[in-house]
Amino acid sequence: MNFIEKLQNKPKKIRTLILWVSSGIVMLIVVSIWLCCFSTNNNDGNMKSNFKKTELPSLLESIKQDFLIFKEKISASLKEIKEQTTKLEELDGGQEAE
């Protein structure tokens, strides 16, 4: 009998336990390989210099910019609504005169 046939003949609880243990072992191997590769890439300092070169705006600055853009759009929309209202009032006033 080969390994798979022996495994198929075992009770369901043991097969489930073997599944979880083997999945955990494979996961540990993959994560450890990933961490080793990440640490070797991180040691050369290129990552740190790249982060220093690209300065990102702070959260507060970003919120201020978004608020200013939102404020401009709202004021433009209000001006447009005011113009539309004025046009409608002129049309309504012209119809009442007739």
PDB file of N, CA and C in Angstrom:
ATOM      1  N   MET A   1       0.829  -1.190   0.000  1.00  0.00           N
ATOM      2  CA  MET A   1       0.000   0.000   0.000  1.00  0.00           C
ATOM      3  C   MET A   1       0.873   1.253   0.000  1.00  0.00           C
ATOM      4  N   ASN A   2       0.501   2.196  -0.792  1.00  0.00           N
ATOM      5  CA  ASN A   2       1.266   3.428  -0.789  1.00  0.00           C
ATOM      6  C   ASN A   2       0.712   4.390   0.276  1.00  0.00           C
ATOM      7  N   PHE A   3       1.348   5.534   0.394  1.00  0.00           N
ATOM      8  CA  PHE A   3       1.005   6.498   1.450  1.00  0.00           C
ATOM      9  C   PHE A   3      -0.430   6.997   1.335  1.00  0.00           C
ATOM     10  N   ILE A   4      -0.890   7.270   0.137  1.00  0.00           N
ATOM     11  CA  ILE A   4      -2.241   7.817  -0.060  1.00  0.00           C
ATOM     12  C   ILE A   4      -3.293   6.781   0.316  1.00  0.00           C
ATOM     13  N   GLU A   5      -3.087   5.550  -0.032  1.00  0.00           N
ATOM     14  CA  GLU A   5      -4.058   4.502   0.346  1.00  0.00           C
ATOM     15  C   GLU A   5      -4.106   4.321   1.857  1.00  0.00           C
ATOM     16  N   LYS A   6      -2.958   4.373   2.514  1.00  0.00           N
ATOM     17  CA  LYS A   6      -2.937   4.276   3.966  1.00  0.00           C
ATOM     18  C   LYS A   6      -3.685   5.445   4.588  1.00  0.00           C
ATOM     19  N   LEU A   7      -3.482   6.645   4.024  1.00  0.00           N
ATOM     20  CA  LEU A   7      -4.158   7.840   4.535  1.00  0.00           C
ATOM     21  C   LEU A   7      -5.668   7.743   4.336  1.00  0.00           C
ATOM     22  N   GLN A   8      -6.098   7.209   3.209  1.00  0.00           N
ATOM     23  CA  GLN A   8      -7.533   7.068   2.933  1.00  0.00           C
ATOM     24  C   GLN A   8      -8.199   6.071   3.880  1.00  0.00           C
ATOM     25  N   ASN A   9      -7.468   5.125   4.379  1.00  0.00           N
ATOM     26  CA  ASN A   9      -8.032   4.119   5.273  1.00  0.00           C
ATOM     27  C   ASN A   9      -8.120   4.596   6.726  1.00  0.00           C
ATOM     28  N   LYS A  10      -7.507   5.723   7.066  1.00  0.00           N
ATOM     29  CA  LYS A  10      -7.534   6.240   8.437  1.00  0.00           C
ATOM     30  C   LYS A  10      -8.874   6.909   8.708  1.00  0.00           C
ATOM     31  N   PRO A  11      -9.260   7.053   9.989  1.00  0.00           N
ATOM     32  CA  PRO A  11     -10.523   7.728  10.331  1.00  0.00           C
ATOM     33  C   PRO A  11     -10.494   9.207   9.919  1.00  0.00           C
ATOM     34  N   LYS A  12     -11.692   9.776   9.811  1.00  0.00           N
ATOM     35  CA  LYS A  12     -11.826  11.146   9.322  1.00  0.00           C
ATOM     36  C   LYS A  12     -11.125  12.141  10.239  1.00  0.00           C
ATOM     37  N   LYS A  13     -11.193  11.963  11.559  1.00  0.00           N
ATOM     38  CA  LYS A  13     -10.553  12.890  12.491  1.00  0.00           C
ATOM     39  C   LYS A  13      -9.038  12.922  12.282  1.00  0.00           C
ATOM     40  N   ILE A  14      -8.445  11.769  12.066  1.00  0.00           N
ATOM     41  CA  ILE A  14      -6.994  11.706  11.861  1.00  0.00           C
ATOM     42  C   ILE A  14      -6.622  12.328  10.518  1.00  0.00           C
ATOM     43  N   ARG A  15      -7.432  12.101   9.490  1.00  0.00           N
ATOM     44  CA  ARG A  15      -7.158  12.714   8.183  1.00  0.00           C
ATOM     45  C   ARG A  15      -7.245  14.232   8.275  1.00  0.00           C
ATOM     46  N   THR A  16      -8.238  14.727   9.034  1.00  0.00           N
ATOM     47  CA  THR A  16      -8.383  16.173   9.207  1.00  0.00           C
ATOM     48  C   THR A  16      -7.193  16.739   9.973  1.00  0.00           C
ATOM     49  N   LEU A  17      -6.762  16.037  11.003  1.00  0.00           N
ATOM     50  CA  LEU A  17      -5.605  16.481  11.773  1.00  0.00           C
ATOM     51  C   LEU A  17      -4.355  16.522  10.897  1.00  0.00           C
ATOM     52  N   ILE A  18      -4.148  15.509  10.085  1.00  0.00           N
ATOM     53  CA  ILE A  18      -3.000  15.482   9.180  1.00  0.00           C
ATOM     54  C   ILE A  18      -3.074  16.628   8.185  1.00  0.00           C
ATOM     55  N   LEU A  19      -4.288  16.935   7.712  1.00  0.00           N
ATOM     56  CA  LEU A  19      -4.482  18.055   6.785  1.00  0.00           C
ATOM     57  C   LEU A  19      -4.036  19.365   7.410  1.00  0.00           C
ATOM     58  N   TRP A  20      -4.508  19.654   8.644  1.00  0.00           N
ATOM     59  CA  TRP A  20      -4.182  20.919   9.290  1.00  0.00           C
ATOM     60  C   TRP A  20      -2.704  21.009   9.649  1.00  0.00           C
ATOM     61  N   VAL A  21      -2.129  19.932  10.119  1.00  0.00           N
ATOM     62  CA  VAL A  21      -0.705  19.952  10.469  1.00  0.00           C
ATOM     63  C   VAL A  21       0.149  20.155   9.225  1.00  0.00           C
ATOM     64  N   SER A  22      -0.158  19.448   8.147  1.00  0.00           N
ATOM     65  CA  SER A  22       0.628  19.610   6.921  1.00  0.00           C
ATOM     66  C   SER A  22       0.442  21.008   6.325  1.00  0.00           C
ATOM     67  N   SER A  23      -0.773  21.547   6.409  1.00  0.00           N
ATOM     68  CA  SER A  23      -1.000  22.915   5.912  1.00  0.00           C
ATOM     69  C   SER A  23      -0.203  23.918   6.735  1.00  0.00           C
ATOM     70  N   GLY A  24      -0.166  23.732   8.050  1.00  0.00           N
ATOM     71  CA  GLY A  24       0.602  24.625   8.909  1.00  0.00           C
ATOM     72  C   GLY A  24       2.088  24.569   8.620  1.00  0.00           C
ATOM     73  N   ILE A  25       2.598  23.367   8.394  1.00  0.00           N
ATOM     74  CA  ILE A  25       4.027  23.214   8.098  1.00  0.00           C
ATOM     75  C   ILE A  25       4.372  23.889   6.772  1.00  0.00           C
ATOM     76  N   VAL A  26       3.538  23.694   5.767  1.00  0.00           N
ATOM     77  CA  VAL A  26       3.783  24.331   4.463  1.00  0.00           C
ATOM     78  C   VAL A  26       3.715  25.846   4.601  1.00  0.00           C
ATOM     79  N   MET A  27       2.758  26.341   5.386  1.00  0.00           N
ATOM     80  CA  MET A  27       2.631  27.781   5.582  1.00  0.00           C
ATOM     81  C   MET A  27       3.875  28.336   6.271  1.00  0.00           C
ATOM     82  N   LEU A  28       4.379  27.644   7.283  1.00  0.00           N
ATOM     83  CA  LEU A  28       5.590  28.095   7.968  1.00  0.00           C
ATOM     84  C   LEU A  28       6.787  28.130   7.025  1.00  0.00           C
ATOM     85  N   ILE A  29       6.890  27.152   6.161  1.00  0.00           N
ATOM     86  CA  ILE A  29       7.992  27.129   5.200  1.00  0.00           C
ATOM     87  C   ILE A  29       7.896  28.316   4.244  1.00  0.00           C
ATOM     88  N   VAL A  30       6.708  28.553   3.717  1.00  0.00           N
ATOM     89  CA  VAL A  30       6.521  29.661   2.763  1.00  0.00           C
ATOM     90  C   VAL A  30       6.788  31.008   3.435  1.00  0.00           C
ATOM     91  N   VAL A  31       6.264  31.200   4.653  1.00  0.00           N
ATOM     92  CA  VAL A  31       6.461  32.474   5.354  1.00  0.00           C
ATOM     93  C   VAL A  31       7.932  32.671   5.705  1.00  0.00           C
ATOM     94  N   SER A  32       8.621  31.619   6.115  1.00  0.00           N
ATOM     95  CA  SER A  32      10.038  31.769   6.452  1.00  0.00           C
ATOM     96  C   SER A  32      10.862  32.102   5.213  1.00  0.00           C
ATOM     97  N   ILE A  33      10.550  31.508   4.079  1.00  0.00           N
ATOM     98  CA  ILE A  33      11.257  31.848   2.836  1.00  0.00           C
ATOM     99  C   ILE A  33      10.974  33.296   2.461  1.00  0.00           C
ATOM    100  N   TRP A  34       9.742  33.718   2.618  1.00  0.00           N
ATOM    101  CA  TRP A  34       9.363  35.098   2.300  1.00  0.00           C
ATOM    102  C   TRP A  34      10.107  36.076   3.203  1.00  0.00           C
ATOM    103  N   LEU A  35      10.180  35.769   4.498  1.00  0.00           N
ATOM    104  CA  LEU A  35      10.874  36.657   5.427  1.00  0.00           C
ATOM    105  C   LEU A  35      12.369  36.724   5.123  1.00  0.00           C
ATOM    106  N   CYS A  36      12.959  35.606   4.757  1.00  0.00           N
ATOM    107  CA  CYS A  36      14.381  35.612   4.398  1.00  0.00           C
ATOM    108  C   CYS A  36      14.630  36.483   3.175  1.00  0.00           C
ATOM    109  N   CYS A  37      13.791  36.360   2.182  1.00  0.00           N
ATOM    110  CA  CYS A  37      13.943  37.181   0.967  1.00  0.00           C
ATOM    111  C   CYS A  37      13.698  38.643   1.276  1.00  0.00           C
ATOM    112  N   PHE A  38      12.725  38.932   2.123  1.00  0.00           N
ATOM    113  CA  PHE A  38      12.405  40.317   2.470  1.00  0.00           C
ATOM    114  C   PHE A  38      13.551  40.953   3.241  1.00  0.00           C
ATOM    115  N   SER A  39      14.137  40.220   4.162  1.00  0.00           N
ATOM    116  CA  SER A  39      15.222  40.791   4.964  1.00  0.00           C
ATOM    117  C   SER A  39      16.467  41.030   4.120  1.00  0.00           C
ATOM    118  N   THR A  40      16.758  40.199   3.148  1.00  0.00           N
ATOM    119  CA  THR A  40      17.934  40.426   2.304  1.00  0.00           C
ATOM    120  C   THR A  40      17.704  41.610   1.370  1.00  0.00           C
ATOM    121  N   ASN A  41      16.494  41.797   0.889  1.00  0.00           N
ATOM    122  CA  ASN A  41      16.199  42.947   0.034  1.00  0.00           C
ATOM    123  C   ASN A  41      16.179  44.233   0.831  1.00  0.00           C
ATOM    124  N   ASN A  42      15.806  44.168   2.083  1.00  0.00           N
ATOM    125  CA  ASN A  42      15.681  45.360   2.909  1.00  0.00           C
ATOM    126  C   ASN A  42      17.033  45.849   3.403  1.00  0.00           C
ATOM    127  N   ASN A  43      18.049  44.992   3.462  1.00  0.00           N
ATOM    128  CA  ASN A  43      19.340  45.365   4.012  1.00  0.00           C
ATOM    129  C   ASN A  43      20.153  46.280   3.104  1.00  0.00           C
ATOM    130  N   ASP A  44      19.897  46.292   1.815  1.00  0.00           N
ATOM    131  CA  ASP A  44      20.718  47.088   0.919  1.00  0.00           C
ATOM    132  C   ASP A  44      20.422  48.581   0.985  1.00  0.00           C
ATOM    133  N   GLY A  45      19.410  49.002   1.678  1.00  0.00           N
ATOM    134  CA  GLY A  45      19.157  50.418   1.904  1.00  0.00           C
ATOM    135  C   GLY A  45      18.451  51.117   0.774  1.00  0.00           C
ATOM    136  N   ASN A  46      18.215  50.460  -0.340  1.00  0.00           N
ATOM    137  CA  ASN A  46      17.527  51.103  -1.455  1.00  0.00           C
ATOM    138  C   ASN A  46      16.104  51.477  -1.090  1.00  0.00           C
ATOM    139  N   MET A  47      15.481  50.660  -0.282  1.00  0.00           N
ATOM    140  CA  MET A  47      14.103  50.929   0.090  1.00  0.00           C
ATOM    141  C   MET A  47      13.994  52.224   0.892  1.00  0.00           C
ATOM    142  N   LYS A  48      14.910  52.403   1.830  1.00  0.00           N
ATOM    143  CA  LYS A  48      14.876  53.604   2.666  1.00  0.00           C
ATOM    144  C   LYS A  48      15.136  54.850   1.836  1.00  0.00           C
ATOM    145  N   SER A  49      16.078  54.791   0.920  1.00  0.00           N
ATOM    146  CA  SER A  49      16.367  55.959   0.098  1.00  0.00           C
ATOM    147  C   SER A  49      15.196  56.266  -0.830  1.00  0.00           C
ATOM    148  N   ASN A  50      14.504  55.238  -1.315  1.00  0.00           N
ATOM    149  CA  ASN A  50      13.337  55.469  -2.161  1.00  0.00           C
ATOM    150  C   ASN A  50      12.223  56.146  -1.385  1.00  0.00           C
ATOM    151  N   PHE A  51      12.037  55.761  -0.138  1.00  0.00           N
ATOM    152  CA  PHE A  51      10.998  56.394   0.668  1.00  0.00           C
ATOM    153  C   PHE A  51      11.347  57.848   0.969  1.00  0.00           C
ATOM    154  N   LYS A  52      12.618  58.143   1.136  1.00  0.00           N
ATOM    155  CA  LYS A  52      13.018  59.520   1.418  1.00  0.00           C
ATOM    156  C   LYS A  52      12.854  60.400   0.176  1.00  0.00           C
ATOM    157  N   LYS A  53      13.063  59.828  -1.001  1.00  0.00           N
ATOM    158  CA  LYS A  53      12.951  60.603  -2.235  1.00  0.00           C
ATOM    159  C   LYS A  53      11.517  61.009  -2.513  1.00  0.00           C
ATOM    160  N   THR A  54      10.583  60.120  -2.281  1.00  0.00           N
ATOM    161  CA  THR A  54       9.189  60.421  -2.545  1.00  0.00           C
ATOM    162  C   THR A  54       8.520  60.826  -1.243  1.00  0.00           C
ATOM    163  N   GLU A  55       8.404  62.107  -1.049  1.00  0.00           N
ATOM    164  CA  GLU A  55       7.768  62.610   0.159  1.00  0.00           C
ATOM    165  C   GLU A  55       6.267  62.676  -0.077  1.00  0.00           C
ATOM    166  N   LEU A  56       5.548  61.992   0.744  1.00  0.00           N
ATOM    167  CA  LEU A  56       4.107  61.985   0.642  1.00  0.00           C
ATOM    168  C   LEU A  56       3.533  63.073   1.534  1.00  0.00           C
ATOM    169  N   PRO A  57       2.455  63.705   1.107  1.00  0.00           N
ATOM    170  CA  PRO A  57       1.860  64.723   1.966  1.00  0.00           C
ATOM    171  C   PRO A  57       1.284  64.080   3.216  1.00  0.00           C
ATOM    172  N   SER A  58       1.286  64.842   4.268  1.00  0.00           N
ATOM    173  CA  SER A  58       0.738  64.313   5.510  1.00  0.00           C
ATOM    174  C   SER A  58      -0.769  64.166   5.383  1.00  0.00           C
ATOM    175  N   LEU A  59      -1.339  63.453   6.299  1.00  0.00           N
ATOM    176  CA  LEU A  59      -2.776  63.219   6.279  1.00  0.00           C
ATOM    177  C   LEU A  59      -3.531  64.532   6.412  1.00  0.00           C
ATOM    178  N   LEU A  60      -3.065  65.407   7.280  1.00  0.00           N
ATOM    179  CA  LEU A  60      -3.726  66.696   7.479  1.00  0.00           C
ATOM    180  C   LEU A  60      -3.679  67.535   6.210  1.00  0.00           C
ATOM    181  N   GLU A  61      -2.521  67.561   5.544  1.00  0.00           N
ATOM    182  CA  GLU A  61      -2.399  68.309   4.287  1.00  0.00           C
ATOM    183  C   GLU A  61      -3.354  67.764   3.229  1.00  0.00           C
ATOM    184  N   SER A  62      -3.436  66.447   3.154  1.00  0.00           N
ATOM    185  CA  SER A  62      -4.305  65.815   2.179  1.00  0.00           C
ATOM    186  C   SER A  62      -5.772  66.149   2.453  1.00  0.00           C
ATOM    187  N   ILE A  63      -6.149  66.123   3.720  1.00  0.00           N
ATOM    188  CA  ILE A  63      -7.536  66.456   4.083  1.00  0.00           C
ATOM    189  C   ILE A  63      -7.828  67.916   3.764  1.00  0.00           C
ATOM    190  N   LYS A  64      -6.871  68.796   4.020  1.00  0.00           N
ATOM    191  CA  LYS A  64      -7.067  70.219   3.703  1.00  0.00           C
ATOM    192  C   LYS A  64      -7.278  70.418   2.207  1.00  0.00           C
ATOM    193  N   GLN A  65      -6.446  69.740   1.398  1.00  0.00           N
ATOM    194  CA  GLN A  65      -6.593  69.863  -0.061  1.00  0.00           C
ATOM    195  C   GLN A  65      -7.949  69.338  -0.522  1.00  0.00           C
ATOM    196  N   ASP A  66      -8.345  68.191  -0.005  1.00  0.00           N
ATOM    197  CA  ASP A  66      -9.642  67.624  -0.379  1.00  0.00           C
ATOM    198  C   ASP A  66     -10.782  68.547   0.025  1.00  0.00           C
ATOM    199  N   PHE A  67     -10.676  69.150   1.209  1.00  0.00           N
ATOM    200  CA  PHE A  67     -11.719  70.063   1.666  1.00  0.00           C
ATOM    201  C   PHE A  67     -11.802  71.298   0.783  1.00  0.00           C
ATOM    202  N   LEU A  68     -10.634  71.841   0.383  1.00  0.00           N
ATOM    203  CA  LEU A  68     -10.636  73.018  -0.486  1.00  0.00           C
ATOM    204  C   LEU A  68     -11.259  72.697  -1.844  1.00  0.00           C
ATOM    205  N   ILE A  69     -10.941  71.548  -2.398  1.00  0.00           N
ATOM    206  CA  ILE A  69     -11.521  71.140  -3.683  1.00  0.00           C
ATOM    207  C   ILE A  69     -13.029  70.968  -3.534  1.00  0.00           C
ATOM    208  N   PHE A  70     -13.453  70.331  -2.440  1.00  0.00           N
ATOM    209  CA  PHE A  70     -14.882  70.146  -2.185  1.00  0.00           C
ATOM    210  C   PHE A  70     -15.576  71.488  -2.046  1.00  0.00           C
ATOM    211  N   LYS A  71     -14.946  72.423  -1.339  1.00  0.00           N
ATOM    212  CA  LYS A  71     -15.518  73.761  -1.139  1.00  0.00           C
ATOM    213  C   LYS A  71     -15.675  74.487  -2.476  1.00  0.00           C
ATOM    214  N   GLU A  72     -14.669  74.384  -3.346  1.00  0.00           N
ATOM    215  CA  GLU A  72     -14.746  75.027  -4.659  1.00  0.00           C
ATOM    216  C   GLU A  72     -15.871  74.435  -5.498  1.00  0.00           C
ATOM    217  N   LYS A  73     -16.017  73.122  -5.455  1.00  0.00           N
ATOM    218  CA  LYS A  73     -17.083  72.479  -6.231  1.00  0.00           C
ATOM    219  C   LYS A  73     -18.456  72.875  -5.711  1.00  0.00           C
ATOM    220  N   ILE A  74     -18.597  72.955  -4.396  1.00  0.00           N
ATOM    221  CA  ILE A  74     -19.885  73.359  -3.816  1.00  0.00           C
ATOM    222  C   ILE A  74     -20.207  74.796  -4.188  1.00  0.00           C
ATOM    223  N   SER A  75     -19.222  75.693  -4.096  1.00  0.00           N
ATOM    224  CA  SER A  75     -19.488  77.096  -4.439  1.00  0.00           C
ATOM    225  C   SER A  75     -19.829  77.240  -5.920  1.00  0.00           C
ATOM    226  N   ALA A  76     -19.169  76.464  -6.780  1.00  0.00           N
ATOM    227  CA  ALA A  76     -19.502  76.513  -8.208  1.00  0.00           C
ATOM    228  C   ALA A  76     -20.919  75.989  -8.444  1.00  0.00           C
ATOM    229  N   SER A  77     -21.292  74.948  -7.739  1.00  0.00           N
ATOM    230  CA  SER A  77     -22.647  74.409  -7.883  1.00  0.00           C
ATOM    231  C   SER A  77     -23.684  75.401  -7.386  1.00  0.00           C
ATOM    232  N   LEU A  78     -23.398  76.085  -6.282  1.00  0.00           N
ATOM    233  CA  LEU A  78     -24.337  77.077  -5.759  1.00  0.00           C
ATOM    234  C   LEU A  78     -24.497  78.253  -6.720  1.00  0.00           C
ATOM    235  N   LYS A  79     -23.395  78.671  -7.355  1.00  0.00           N
ATOM    236  CA  LYS A  79     -23.482  79.752  -8.342  1.00  0.00           C
ATOM    237  C   LYS A  79     -24.349  79.320  -9.519  1.00  0.00           C
ATOM    238  N   GLU A  80     -24.162  78.082  -9.949  1.00  0.00           N
ATOM    239  CA  GLU A  80     -24.951  77.576 -11.064  1.00  0.00           C
ATOM    240  C   GLU A  80     -26.435  77.502 -10.691  1.00  0.00           C
ATOM    241  N   ILE A  81     -26.724  77.062  -9.495  1.00  0.00           N
ATOM    242  CA  ILE A  81     -28.117  76.999  -9.039  1.00  0.00           C
ATOM    243  C   ILE A  81     -28.710  78.397  -8.966  1.00  0.00           C
ATOM    244  N   LYS A  82     -27.926  79.369  -8.495  1.00  0.00           N
ATOM    245  CA  LYS A  82     -28.407  80.752  -8.404  1.00  0.00           C
ATOM    246  C   LYS A  82     -28.711  81.305  -9.799  1.00  0.00           C
ATOM    247  N   GLU A  83     -27.837  81.004 -10.764  1.00  0.00           N
ATOM    248  CA  GLU A  83     -28.068  81.456 -12.135  1.00  0.00           C
ATOM    249  C   GLU A  83     -29.325  80.811 -12.711  1.00  0.00           C
ATOM    250  N   GLN A  84     -29.504  79.531 -12.487  1.00  0.00           N
ATOM    251  CA  GLN A  84     -30.691  78.819 -12.974  1.00  0.00           C
ATOM    252  C   GLN A  84     -31.949  79.400 -12.340  1.00  0.00           C
ATOM    253  N   THR A  85     -31.867  79.704 -11.032  1.00  0.00           N
ATOM    254  CA  THR A  85     -33.032  80.274 -10.342  1.00  0.00           C
ATOM    255  C   THR A  85     -33.371  81.644 -10.904  1.00  0.00           C
ATOM    256  N   THR A  86     -32.339  82.449 -11.163  1.00  0.00           N
ATOM    257  CA  THR A  86     -32.562  83.779 -11.728  1.00  0.00           C
ATOM    258  C   THR A  86     -33.216  83.673 -13.103  1.00  0.00           C
ATOM    259  N   LYS A  87     -32.752  82.744 -13.921  1.00  0.00           N
ATOM    260  CA  LYS A  87     -33.335  82.552 -15.253  1.00  0.00           C
ATOM    261  C   LYS A  87     -34.793  82.111 -15.146  1.00  0.00           C
ATOM    262  N   LEU A  88     -35.053  81.204 -14.224  1.00  0.00           N
ATOM    263  CA  LEU A  88     -36.431  80.734 -14.047  1.00  0.00           C
ATOM    264  C   LEU A  88     -37.340  81.852 -13.556  1.00  0.00           C
ATOM    265  N   GLU A  89     -36.825  82.699 -12.650  1.00  0.00           N
ATOM    266  CA  GLU A  89     -37.627  83.828 -12.160  1.00  0.00           C
ATOM    267  C   GLU A  89     -37.914  84.813 -13.286  1.00  0.00           C
ATOM    268  N   GLU A  90     -36.923  85.033 -14.158  1.00  0.00           N
ATOM    269  CA  GLU A  90     -37.133  85.934 -15.298  1.00  0.00           C
ATOM    270  C   GLU A  90     -38.189  85.367 -16.241  1.00  0.00           C
ATOM    271  N   LEU A  91     -38.107  84.050 -16.493  1.00  0.00           N
ATOM    272  CA  LEU A  91     -39.098  83.424 -17.357  1.00  0.00           C
ATOM    273  C   LEU A  91     -40.486  83.476 -16.715  1.00  0.00           C
ATOM    274  N   ASP A  92     -40.544  83.236 -15.427  1.00  0.00           N
ATOM    275  CA  ASP A  92     -41.812  83.254 -14.712  1.00  0.00           C
ATOM    276  C   ASP A  92     -42.385  84.681 -14.680  1.00  0.00           C
ATOM    277  N   GLY A  93     -41.514  85.682 -14.499  1.00  0.00           N
ATOM    278  CA  GLY A  93     -41.974  87.079 -14.493  1.00  0.00           C
ATOM    279  C   GLY A  93     -42.473  87.498 -15.857  1.00  0.00           C
ATOM    280  N   GLY A  94     -41.853  87.012 -16.912  1.00  0.00           N
ATOM    281  CA  GLY A  94     -42.283  87.340 -18.269  1.00  0.00           C
ATOM    282  C   GLY A  94     -43.623  86.717 -18.587  1.00  0.00           C
ATOM    283  N   GLN A  95     -43.902  85.544 -18.066  1.00  0.00           N
ATOM    284  CA  GLN A  95     -45.180  84.885 -18.317  1.00  0.00           C
ATOM    285  C   GLN A  95     -46.306  85.566 -17.554  1.00  0.00           C
ATOM    286  N   GLU A  96     -46.008  86.095 -16.357  1.00  0.00           N
ATOM    287  CA  GLU A  96     -47.043  86.776 -15.589  1.00  0.00           C
ATOM    288  C   GLU A  96     -47.442  88.084 -16.211  1.00  0.00           C
ATOM    289  N   ALA A  97     -46.493  88.744 -16.904  1.00  0.00           N
ATOM    290  CA  ALA A  97     -46.778  90.016 -17.548  1.00  0.00           C
ATOM    291  C   ALA A  97     -47.720  89.844 -18.727  1.00  0.00           C
ATOM    292  N   GLU A  98     -47.708  88.691 -19.327  1.00  0.00           N
ATOM    293  CA  GLU A  98     -48.548  88.474 -20.513  1.00  0.00           C
ATOM    294  C   GLU A  98     -49.918  88.237 -20.106  1.00  0.00           C
TER     295      GLU A  98
END
